Protein backbone atom coordinates (compact mmCIF):
# COMPACT_ATOMS: atom_id res chain seq x y z
CA MET A 1 -14.95 -19.80 1.44
CA GLY A 2 -13.75 -16.96 3.51
CA PHE A 3 -10.42 -15.17 2.98
CA THR A 4 -8.58 -17.26 5.80
CA ASP A 5 -9.73 -20.50 4.32
CA THR A 6 -8.42 -19.57 0.56
CA LEU A 7 -4.95 -18.22 2.03
CA LYS A 8 -4.55 -21.55 4.12
CA ASN A 9 -5.56 -23.78 1.26
CA LEU A 10 -2.91 -21.15 -0.69
CA ARG A 11 -0.23 -21.71 1.83
CA ASN A 12 -0.84 -25.58 1.78
CA SER A 13 -1.23 -26.21 -1.91
CA THR A 14 1.27 -28.48 -3.66
CA ILE A 15 2.18 -25.65 -5.74
CA LEU A 16 3.48 -23.47 -3.03
CA LYS A 17 5.28 -26.38 -1.35
CA ILE A 18 7.93 -25.99 -4.21
CA GLY A 19 8.07 -22.36 -3.38
CA ASN A 20 8.54 -22.88 0.24
CA LEU A 21 11.88 -24.85 -0.32
CA TYR A 22 13.28 -21.52 -1.33
CA ARG A 23 11.65 -19.40 1.08
CA ASN A 24 14.40 -17.47 3.69
CA LYS A 25 15.64 -19.29 6.39
CA GLN A 26 13.29 -17.51 8.81
CA SER A 27 11.11 -20.63 9.65
CA TRP A 28 10.23 -21.53 13.45
CA GLY A 29 11.15 -25.05 12.67
CA MET A 30 14.90 -24.44 11.80
CA ALA A 31 17.75 -25.19 14.47
CA GLU A 32 18.32 -22.55 16.86
CA GLN A 33 21.87 -21.93 15.48
CA GLN A 34 20.52 -21.46 12.04
CA ARG A 35 18.01 -18.80 13.19
CA VAL A 36 20.99 -17.09 15.04
CA LYS A 37 23.11 -16.95 11.99
CA HIS A 38 20.19 -15.58 9.89
CA VAL A 39 19.75 -12.65 12.72
CA LEU A 40 23.55 -11.97 12.45
CA ASP A 41 23.48 -12.07 8.30
CA LEU A 42 20.67 -9.38 8.43
CA LEU A 43 22.51 -7.11 10.84
CA LYS A 44 25.33 -7.15 8.54
CA LYS A 45 23.04 -5.59 5.82
CA GLU A 46 23.31 -1.93 5.16
CA GLY A 47 20.44 0.03 6.86
CA CYS A 48 17.64 -1.24 8.80
CA PRO A 49 17.78 -5.04 9.05
CA ILE A 50 14.00 -5.58 9.31
CA CYS A 51 13.54 -3.29 6.23
CA TYR A 52 15.92 -5.70 4.19
CA GLN A 53 13.98 -8.55 5.27
CA ASN A 54 10.58 -7.16 4.30
CA ASN A 55 12.17 -6.23 0.60
CA GLU A 56 13.34 -9.90 0.31
CA ASP A 57 10.35 -11.58 1.34
CA VAL A 58 7.90 -9.32 -0.73
CA LYS A 59 10.22 -9.68 -3.67
CA ARG A 60 10.23 -13.26 -3.38
CA MET A 61 6.57 -13.71 -3.31
CA PHE A 62 6.20 -11.55 -6.40
CA THR A 63 8.91 -13.42 -8.36
CA TRP A 64 6.88 -16.69 -7.60
CA PHE A 65 3.46 -14.98 -8.40
CA LEU A 66 4.71 -13.68 -11.64
CA LEU A 67 6.45 -16.94 -12.75
CA GLU A 68 4.21 -19.78 -11.50
CA TYR A 69 1.11 -18.70 -9.71
CA TYR A 70 -0.88 -16.23 -11.55
CA GLY A 71 -3.83 -17.83 -13.14
CA THR A 72 -3.91 -20.66 -10.56
CA GLN A 73 -7.61 -20.90 -8.72
CA PRO A 74 -6.26 -20.17 -5.28
CA TRP A 75 -4.51 -16.82 -6.45
CA VAL A 76 -7.53 -16.06 -8.74
CA GLU A 77 -9.96 -16.38 -5.78
CA LEU A 78 -7.70 -14.58 -3.43
CA LEU A 79 -7.18 -11.69 -5.96
CA ASN A 80 -10.67 -11.31 -6.77
CA ARG A 81 -11.82 -10.89 -3.15
CA SER A 82 -8.96 -8.21 -2.72
CA ARG A 83 -9.27 -6.86 -6.15
CA GLY A 84 -5.64 -7.53 -7.15
CA PHE A 85 -2.83 -6.07 -5.04
CA CYS A 86 -2.88 -2.75 -3.03
CA SER A 87 -1.84 0.45 -4.88
CA MET A 88 1.67 0.49 -3.37
CA HIS A 89 2.55 -2.91 -4.06
CA THR A 90 1.38 -2.83 -7.85
CA TRP A 91 3.12 0.66 -8.86
CA GLU A 92 5.98 -1.38 -7.23
CA VAL A 93 5.73 -4.28 -9.50
CA VAL A 94 5.34 -2.11 -12.48
CA THR A 95 8.45 -0.16 -11.80
CA GLN A 96 11.06 -3.01 -10.76
CA HIS A 97 9.99 -5.54 -13.85
CA MET A 98 10.50 -5.45 -17.51
CA PRO A 99 7.23 -5.05 -19.08
CA GLU A 100 7.26 -8.52 -20.82
CA GLN A 101 7.71 -9.99 -17.42
CA ILE A 102 4.30 -8.46 -16.01
CA ARG A 103 1.96 -7.52 -18.59
CA TRP A 104 0.84 -11.03 -19.15
CA PRO A 105 0.44 -12.03 -15.44
CA LEU A 106 -1.03 -8.66 -14.39
CA GLY A 107 -3.33 -8.43 -17.65
CA LEU A 108 -4.78 -11.78 -16.90
CA THR A 109 -5.45 -11.11 -13.31
CA TYR A 110 -7.38 -7.99 -14.14
CA LEU A 111 -9.30 -9.69 -16.70
CA TYR A 112 -10.56 -11.92 -13.88
CA ILE A 113 -11.17 -9.31 -11.56
CA ILE A 114 -12.87 -7.27 -14.09
CA ASN A 115 -15.15 -9.93 -14.77
CA TYR A 116 -15.69 -10.31 -10.96
CA ASP A 117 -16.59 -6.78 -10.62
CA LEU A 118 -18.99 -6.69 -13.47
CA GLU A 119 -21.07 -9.59 -11.89
CA GLU A 120 -20.93 -7.86 -8.34
CA ILE A 121 -22.13 -4.29 -10.02
CA ARG A 122 -24.63 -6.10 -12.10
CA THR A 123 -26.16 -8.02 -9.19
CA VAL A 124 -26.49 -4.88 -6.94
CA VAL A 125 -27.97 -2.62 -10.02
CA SER A 126 -30.76 -5.38 -11.14
CA PHE A 127 -31.67 -5.72 -7.37
CA LEU A 128 -32.47 -2.02 -7.20
CA GLU A 129 -34.11 -2.09 -10.57
CA ARG A 130 -36.69 -4.71 -9.48
CA TYR A 131 -37.64 -2.22 -6.47
CA LYS A 132 -38.71 0.53 -8.83
CA LEU A 133 -42.31 1.79 -8.68
CA SER A 134 -44.24 2.73 -11.77
CA SER A 135 -43.48 6.43 -10.99
CA GLY A 136 -40.00 5.52 -11.61
CA GLU A 137 -39.01 6.26 -7.91
CA ILE A 138 -37.03 3.54 -5.87
CA SER A 139 -39.04 1.75 -2.89
CA VAL A 140 -37.77 1.52 0.51
CA VAL A 141 -34.73 -0.42 -0.03
CA ARG A 142 -33.23 -0.74 3.74
CA ASN A 143 -33.29 -4.62 3.86
CA LYS A 144 -30.59 -7.09 4.87
CA LYS A 145 -30.10 -8.57 1.26
CA LEU A 146 -29.68 -5.19 -0.46
CA GLU A 147 -27.16 -3.91 2.45
CA LYS A 148 -25.30 -7.54 2.07
CA LEU A 149 -25.09 -7.08 -1.81
CA ILE A 150 -23.63 -3.59 -1.39
CA MET A 151 -20.98 -4.80 1.47
CA ASN A 152 -20.06 -7.56 -0.97
CA THR A 153 -19.07 -5.09 -3.66
CA VAL A 154 -17.59 -2.37 -1.36
CA LEU A 155 -15.58 -4.50 1.29
CA LEU A 156 -12.29 -6.05 0.18
CA GLU A 157 -10.05 -8.40 1.53
CA PRO A 158 -6.61 -7.42 2.35
CA CYS A 159 -3.78 -7.33 -0.02
CA PRO A 160 -1.98 -10.54 -0.11
CA ALA A 161 1.37 -8.54 -0.42
CA CYS A 162 0.56 -6.65 2.53
CA ILE A 163 -0.12 -9.59 4.56
CA GLU A 164 3.24 -10.93 3.70
CA LEU A 165 4.92 -7.76 4.53
CA LYS A 166 3.20 -7.80 7.84
CA THR A 167 4.08 -11.51 8.50
CA SER A 168 7.50 -10.91 7.70
CA THR A 169 8.02 -7.89 9.75
CA THR A 170 6.61 -9.67 12.93
CA ASN A 171 8.66 -13.06 12.32
CA ALA A 172 11.82 -10.90 11.60
CA LEU A 173 11.41 -8.78 14.89
CA LYS A 174 10.56 -11.71 17.21
CA ASN A 175 13.54 -13.49 15.59
CA PHE A 176 15.56 -10.46 16.48
CA LEU A 177 14.23 -9.89 19.83
CA MET A 178 14.51 -13.49 20.65
CA TYR A 179 18.39 -13.51 20.48
CA LEU A 180 19.09 -10.05 21.45
CA LEU A 181 20.47 -11.20 24.67
CA LYS A 182 23.19 -13.17 23.12
CA PRO A 183 26.61 -11.63 23.14
CA GLU A 184 27.52 -12.12 19.46
CA ILE A 185 24.07 -10.54 18.53
CA GLN A 186 24.53 -7.66 20.66
CA LYS A 187 27.92 -7.12 19.15
CA ALA A 188 26.62 -7.20 15.60
CA TYR A 189 23.86 -4.92 16.76
CA ILE A 190 26.10 -2.28 18.14
CA ASN A 191 28.06 -2.07 15.25
CA SER A 192 25.14 -1.77 12.91
CA GLU A 193 23.17 1.10 11.81
CA GLY A 194 20.32 -0.34 13.77
CA LEU A 195 16.54 -0.30 13.29
CA CYS A 196 14.68 2.57 11.44
CA LEU A 197 12.40 4.33 13.63
CA PRO A 198 9.22 2.68 12.32
CA HIS A 199 10.58 -0.64 13.21
CA LEU A 200 12.14 0.59 16.45
CA GLU A 201 8.64 1.39 17.60
CA GLN A 202 7.42 -1.97 16.65
CA ALA A 203 10.08 -3.62 18.46
CA LEU A 204 9.51 -1.31 21.54
CA ASN A 205 6.24 -2.58 21.84
CA LEU A 206 6.95 -6.15 21.21
CA ALA A 207 10.10 -6.34 23.73
CA GLU A 208 9.81 -6.95 27.35
CA GLY A 209 11.93 -6.81 30.45
CA GLU A 210 15.68 -7.53 29.99
CA THR A 211 15.43 -7.63 26.09
CA LEU A 212 13.68 -4.09 26.15
CA LYS A 213 16.38 -2.64 28.55
CA GLU A 214 19.09 -4.14 26.21
CA LEU A 215 17.16 -2.79 23.27
CA VAL A 216 17.11 0.56 24.93
CA ASN A 217 20.44 0.76 25.87
CA ILE A 218 21.88 -0.03 22.62
CA HIS A 219 19.69 2.06 20.52
CA LEU A 220 19.98 5.27 22.51
CA PRO A 221 23.86 6.19 21.42
CA LYS A 222 22.63 5.44 17.64
CA LEU A 223 19.87 8.24 18.02
CA TYR A 224 22.28 10.51 19.75
CA LEU A 225 24.80 10.11 16.94
CA LEU A 226 21.97 10.51 14.24
CA ARG A 227 20.77 13.61 15.92
CA SER A 228 24.36 15.09 15.76
CA GLN A 229 24.26 14.48 11.66
CA VAL A 230 21.20 16.23 10.95
CA PRO A 231 20.12 17.25 8.44
CA CYS A 232 20.59 13.56 7.60
CA GLY A 233 21.59 12.69 4.07
CA GLN A 234 19.57 10.46 1.69
CA GLU A 235 21.32 7.14 3.17
CA ARG A 236 20.71 8.32 6.64
CA LEU A 237 17.04 9.36 5.96
CA PHE A 238 16.34 5.80 5.45
CA LEU A 239 16.74 5.36 9.14
CA LEU A 240 14.11 7.86 9.84
CA THR A 241 11.45 6.89 7.20
CA GLY A 242 12.25 3.16 6.77
CA LYS A 243 13.92 2.14 3.61
CA ARG A 244 10.76 0.95 2.03
CA PHE A 245 8.80 4.35 2.58
CA PHE A 246 11.56 6.15 0.52
CA GLN A 247 11.37 3.86 -2.33
CA GLU A 248 7.73 4.28 -2.34
CA PHE A 249 8.00 8.12 -2.50
CA THR A 250 10.40 8.08 -5.27
CA LEU A 251 8.07 5.72 -7.19
CA LEU A 252 5.98 8.47 -8.99
CA SER A 253 8.71 10.13 -10.76
CA SER A 254 9.95 6.74 -12.21
CA LEU A 255 6.66 5.93 -13.65
CA GLU A 256 6.62 9.31 -15.45
CA ASP A 257 10.24 9.79 -16.25
CA LYS A 258 10.37 9.15 -20.16
CA GLU A 259 13.96 8.42 -20.25
CA ILE A 260 13.52 5.58 -17.51
CA CYS A 261 10.22 4.29 -19.31
CA SER A 262 12.22 4.20 -22.77
CA THR A 263 14.87 2.04 -21.15
CA LEU A 264 11.93 -0.12 -19.97
CA ASN A 265 10.38 -0.22 -23.19
CA ARG A 266 7.03 1.03 -21.92
CA PRO A 267 5.03 4.26 -22.31
CA ALA A 268 5.48 6.90 -19.48
CA LEU A 269 2.22 7.27 -17.53
CA ASN A 270 0.25 10.39 -17.17
CA LEU A 271 -0.15 9.87 -13.51
CA ASN A 272 0.24 13.49 -12.63
CA ILE A 273 -2.57 14.79 -10.49
CA LYS A 274 -4.38 16.43 -13.76
CA HIS A 275 -4.82 12.98 -15.25
CA SER A 276 -6.12 11.12 -12.35
CA CYS A 277 -9.49 10.23 -11.19
CA TYR A 278 -11.51 13.21 -9.59
CA VAL A 279 -11.35 12.16 -6.23
CA CYS A 280 -7.47 10.89 -6.30
CA ARG A 281 -6.89 14.62 -7.54
CA LYS A 282 -8.93 16.57 -4.89
CA VAL A 283 -7.47 14.58 -2.19
CA ALA A 284 -3.87 14.86 -3.53
CA LEU A 285 -4.13 18.33 -3.81
CA THR A 286 -5.48 18.70 -0.35
CA LEU A 287 -2.37 16.87 1.01
CA GLN A 288 -0.22 18.72 -1.19
CA GLY A 289 -1.49 21.91 0.56
CA LEU A 290 -1.09 20.27 4.02
CA TRP A 291 2.67 19.37 3.11
CA THR A 292 3.27 22.90 2.04
CA THR A 293 1.72 24.46 5.02
CA ILE A 294 3.70 21.96 7.38
CA VAL A 295 7.09 22.73 5.76
CA TYR A 296 6.86 26.37 5.23
CA LYS A 297 5.17 26.78 8.63
CA PRO A 298 7.51 24.52 10.77
CA GLN A 299 7.34 26.39 14.03
CA ASN A 300 3.69 25.14 14.19
CA TRP A 301 4.10 21.80 13.32
CA ALA A 302 7.79 20.68 14.30
CA ASN A 303 6.86 19.85 17.90
CA ARG A 304 4.07 17.85 16.42
CA ILE A 305 6.02 15.53 13.95
CA SER A 306 5.84 12.52 16.40
CA GLU A 307 2.00 12.80 16.26
CA PHE A 308 1.85 11.50 12.61
CA CYS A 309 1.64 7.93 11.62
CA SER A 310 4.82 6.60 10.14
CA ARG A 311 3.72 6.83 6.66
CA HIS A 312 2.84 10.55 6.68
CA ARG A 313 5.81 11.44 8.95
CA GLY A 314 8.07 9.90 6.27
CA SER A 315 6.18 12.27 3.68
CA ILE A 316 6.85 15.47 5.95
CA LEU A 317 10.39 14.35 6.50
CA ILE A 318 11.22 14.13 2.56
CA HIS A 319 9.24 17.04 1.64
CA ALA A 320 11.18 19.10 3.99
CA TYR A 321 14.52 17.35 2.96
CA LEU A 322 13.68 17.98 -0.86
CA ASN A 323 12.77 21.81 -0.26
CA ASN A 324 14.78 23.36 2.44
CA LEU A 325 17.64 21.51 4.56
CA ASP A 326 17.29 24.38 7.34
CA ILE A 327 13.39 23.04 7.67
CA ALA A 328 14.52 19.52 7.48
CA LYS A 329 16.97 19.91 10.36
CA GLU A 330 14.60 21.36 12.47
CA PHE A 331 12.09 18.42 11.83
CA GLN A 332 14.53 15.73 12.14
CA THR A 333 15.82 17.22 15.37
CA HIS A 334 12.28 17.56 16.90
CA LEU A 335 11.45 13.96 15.63
CA LEU A 336 15.04 12.38 17.24
CA THR A 337 14.38 14.40 20.36
CA SER A 338 11.17 13.19 21.24
CA LYS A 339 12.19 9.62 20.47
CA ILE A 340 15.46 10.07 22.78
CA GLU A 341 13.37 11.68 25.78
CA GLU A 342 10.95 8.62 25.46
CA LEU A 343 13.84 6.17 25.50
CA GLU A 344 15.42 8.17 28.63
CA THR A 345 12.36 8.09 30.51
CA LEU A 346 11.92 4.61 29.82
CA LEU A 347 15.50 3.90 30.96
CA ALA A 348 15.13 5.89 34.15
CA ALA A 349 12.16 4.05 35.59
CA SER A 350 12.55 1.76 38.44
CA GLU A 351 11.16 -1.01 36.63
CA ILE A 352 11.75 -0.88 32.86
CA LYS A 353 8.27 -1.48 31.24
CA LYS A 354 6.58 -0.36 28.13
CA ASP A 355 3.11 1.17 28.78
CA PRO A 356 0.78 0.71 26.05
CA LYS A 357 -0.18 4.30 24.73
CA PRO A 358 -3.65 5.01 23.42
CA PRO A 359 -3.96 4.99 19.70
CA GLN A 360 -3.40 8.50 18.08
CA ILE A 361 -5.06 9.86 15.22
CA CYS A 362 -2.73 11.05 12.53
CA PRO A 363 -3.38 14.58 11.71
CA ALA A 364 -2.67 13.95 8.00
CA CYS A 365 -4.73 10.70 8.00
CA GLU A 366 -7.89 12.84 9.48
CA VAL A 367 -7.39 15.42 6.70
CA GLN A 368 -7.09 12.68 3.94
CA ASN A 369 -10.24 11.03 5.38
CA TYR A 370 -12.23 14.11 5.60
CA ALA A 371 -11.20 15.28 2.16
CA THR A 372 -12.29 11.96 0.68
CA LEU A 373 -15.68 11.78 2.44
CA LYS A 374 -16.49 15.45 1.64
CA VAL A 375 -15.72 14.92 -2.34
CA LEU A 376 -17.65 11.76 -2.60
CA LYS A 377 -20.78 13.29 -0.82
CA THR A 378 -20.52 15.87 -3.19
CA VAL A 379 -20.49 13.50 -6.44
CA ALA A 380 -23.18 11.44 -4.81
CA ASP A 381 -25.37 14.51 -4.66
CA ASN A 382 -24.43 15.61 -7.92
CA VAL A 383 -25.01 12.35 -9.82
CA ALA A 384 -28.58 12.07 -8.91
CA SER A 385 -29.28 15.89 -9.58
CA SER A 386 -27.42 16.15 -12.87
CA VAL A 387 -29.34 16.99 -16.18
CA ASN A 388 -26.90 14.79 -17.84
CA PRO A 389 -25.38 12.35 -15.64
CA ARG A 390 -23.81 10.12 -18.14
CA ASN A 391 -21.45 12.74 -19.15
CA TYR A 392 -20.93 13.84 -15.67
CA TRP A 393 -19.85 10.58 -14.50
CA LYS A 394 -17.23 10.33 -17.56
CA SER A 395 -15.87 13.57 -16.53
CA LEU A 396 -15.21 12.29 -13.11
CA ASP A 397 -13.17 9.26 -14.44
CA LEU A 398 -13.34 7.52 -10.84
CA CYS A 399 -10.96 4.98 -9.99
CA MET A 400 -12.55 1.90 -8.75
CA GLY A 401 -11.35 2.44 -5.09
CA HIS A 402 -13.50 5.63 -4.92
CA PHE A 403 -16.15 4.08 -7.01
CA ARG A 404 -16.82 1.42 -4.27
CA LYS A 405 -16.46 4.27 -1.35
CA LEU A 406 -19.15 6.24 -3.37
CA ILE A 407 -22.00 3.24 -3.41
CA PRO A 408 -22.88 3.43 0.39
CA LEU A 409 -22.98 7.06 0.24
CA ALA A 410 -25.39 7.47 -3.15
CA SER A 411 -28.93 7.09 -3.17
CA PRO A 412 -30.59 3.84 -4.76
CA ALA A 413 -31.47 6.13 -8.06
CA ALA A 414 -27.69 7.31 -8.09
CA ILE A 415 -26.19 3.82 -7.65
CA ILE A 416 -28.20 2.59 -10.55
CA TYR A 417 -26.61 5.65 -12.86
CA ILE A 418 -23.15 4.94 -11.56
CA GLY A 419 -23.54 1.17 -11.76
CA ARG A 420 -24.58 1.26 -15.44
CA TYR A 421 -22.05 3.72 -16.41
CA GLN A 422 -19.21 1.82 -14.56
CA GLN A 423 -20.17 -1.32 -16.19
CA GLU A 424 -19.66 0.14 -19.68
CA LYS A 425 -16.54 1.35 -18.67
CA LEU A 426 -15.30 -2.01 -17.42
CA LYS A 427 -16.67 -3.75 -20.42
CA GLU A 428 -14.55 -1.35 -22.68
CA LEU A 429 -11.53 -2.23 -20.78
CA LEU A 430 -12.59 -5.85 -20.59
CA ILE A 431 -13.03 -5.85 -24.61
CA GLU A 432 -9.33 -4.48 -24.98
CA LEU A 433 -7.81 -6.96 -22.63
CA LYS A 434 -9.32 -9.91 -24.39
CA GLU A 435 -8.20 -8.36 -27.62
CA TYR A 436 -4.72 -7.84 -26.40
CA PHE A 437 -4.46 -11.63 -25.34
CA ARG A 438 -5.73 -12.65 -28.77
CA LYS A 439 -3.17 -10.89 -30.36
CA GLU A 440 -0.45 -12.41 -28.36
CA ASP A 441 -1.64 -15.79 -29.84
CA TYR A 442 0.92 -16.92 -32.50
CA ARG A 443 -1.79 -17.16 -34.96
CA TYR A 444 -2.71 -13.45 -34.71
CA LYS A 445 0.71 -12.18 -33.75
CA ASP A 446 1.25 -10.52 -37.18
CA GLU A 447 -2.20 -8.49 -36.85
CA PRO A 448 -1.72 -4.50 -36.27
CA LYS A 449 -1.29 -3.62 -32.79
CA GLY A 450 -3.23 -0.80 -31.61
CA ASN A 451 -4.47 0.61 -28.05
CA GLU A 452 -5.10 -3.00 -26.76
CA GLN A 453 -1.33 -3.18 -26.04
CA THR A 454 -1.60 -0.83 -22.95
CA ALA A 455 -5.01 -2.10 -21.84
CA TRP A 456 -2.86 -3.92 -18.96
CA LEU A 457 -1.55 -0.69 -17.73
CA ARG A 458 -4.96 1.46 -17.92
CA ALA A 459 -6.63 -1.60 -16.01
CA ILE A 460 -3.78 -0.94 -13.27
CA GLU A 461 -4.38 3.04 -13.22
CA LEU A 462 -8.14 2.31 -12.96
CA TYR A 463 -8.01 -0.20 -9.91
CA CYS A 464 -4.89 1.66 -8.33
CA GLY A 465 -5.55 5.43 -8.76
CA PHE A 466 -3.14 7.95 -8.00
CA PRO A 467 -0.19 6.01 -6.12
CA TYR A 468 0.18 6.19 -2.67
CA LEU A 469 -2.98 8.03 -1.75
């Protein structure tokens, strides 16, 4: 069964029918008056209304998952194929909930995922070992079956929370644009703070005709006002980066802050760069160097700020805001000016029409992808040639995300090595997870507690890696 079929069954299951009763009033089947009222309610919220809707929808999905859906067959299949939630959403859940609310659902989820991964890795390794010759060399294994096995191990389905986020954004923007020409919606939009820049760009791509013209006419004065207020404070910075991104950016400090963790009755995580996966560490240092270069040499980058994807653009704006307000002012002014010029050009055209732009490659994404590939190739070459590959592999402490990316780059001999060693690592974690659940049983709850109590957190670290790479 494919991912689409699994998700369809999940949506139509009896369990979710109860949850759907409590979903927001965004359904296309509701009366028009209710949809208009819902858009008006969103525009009364502080900040970007689409950001608010996104937060509510994702929060609602996780509430139902943590309370009811974890461990049910549709969700187990779904999360096995995606290897859990993505890094962003997993760490978001960890920071926004008390440990007693999440350790059982997430621990059980990773118990299933580890079993699934062990079977996938075992299949690939055993297939390769069957092709060994008497000399110990690997025969030619470029055949469709091996490629299929490797692709099954490497390729993942999308994170369910990311699908929910994308669906929420699309539906909220369509609802908003559908009724933008209504006088009451226009009035509420004029009085609101408006859309953040990432959602404004999406809205401009979706809008057409009179709706597009009205959107540009209403939003231009807001951009003029925002430009006059730079450097923006934290509250206004949300409108440049999107509120969700700012929450992501501040997440890392809350994971490591001992006072916050003490309040949550949870140990602080060692998620600084020194304690992360080797590849995560190298890529994070590369990106840190890029941010430093951009922030302290703004003359070379300020006029290129609009070339970055919304995620990395947000990183630059927040780094500048935290380091130097003068530099932050320069970046924010350039970004807003480029967007204002774009909207003015659009408005001055005889026929207002949004021409599709060719996709741009974000400079930061390019740097990140190049750094990741370079480090992984180095690791793949060193594993096969190392005198003691076991110790070398243990010193890397790769997260599962980069382990999967390494497999297609490694030689057959190296795949056997890293497959065996990663299996050992997963089995050790699986034993601790099982021990944790055993001691949760009322019959054994008085037994001394040990390292197994943090096994669910270490499983998250292993599968999610360094946050937000």
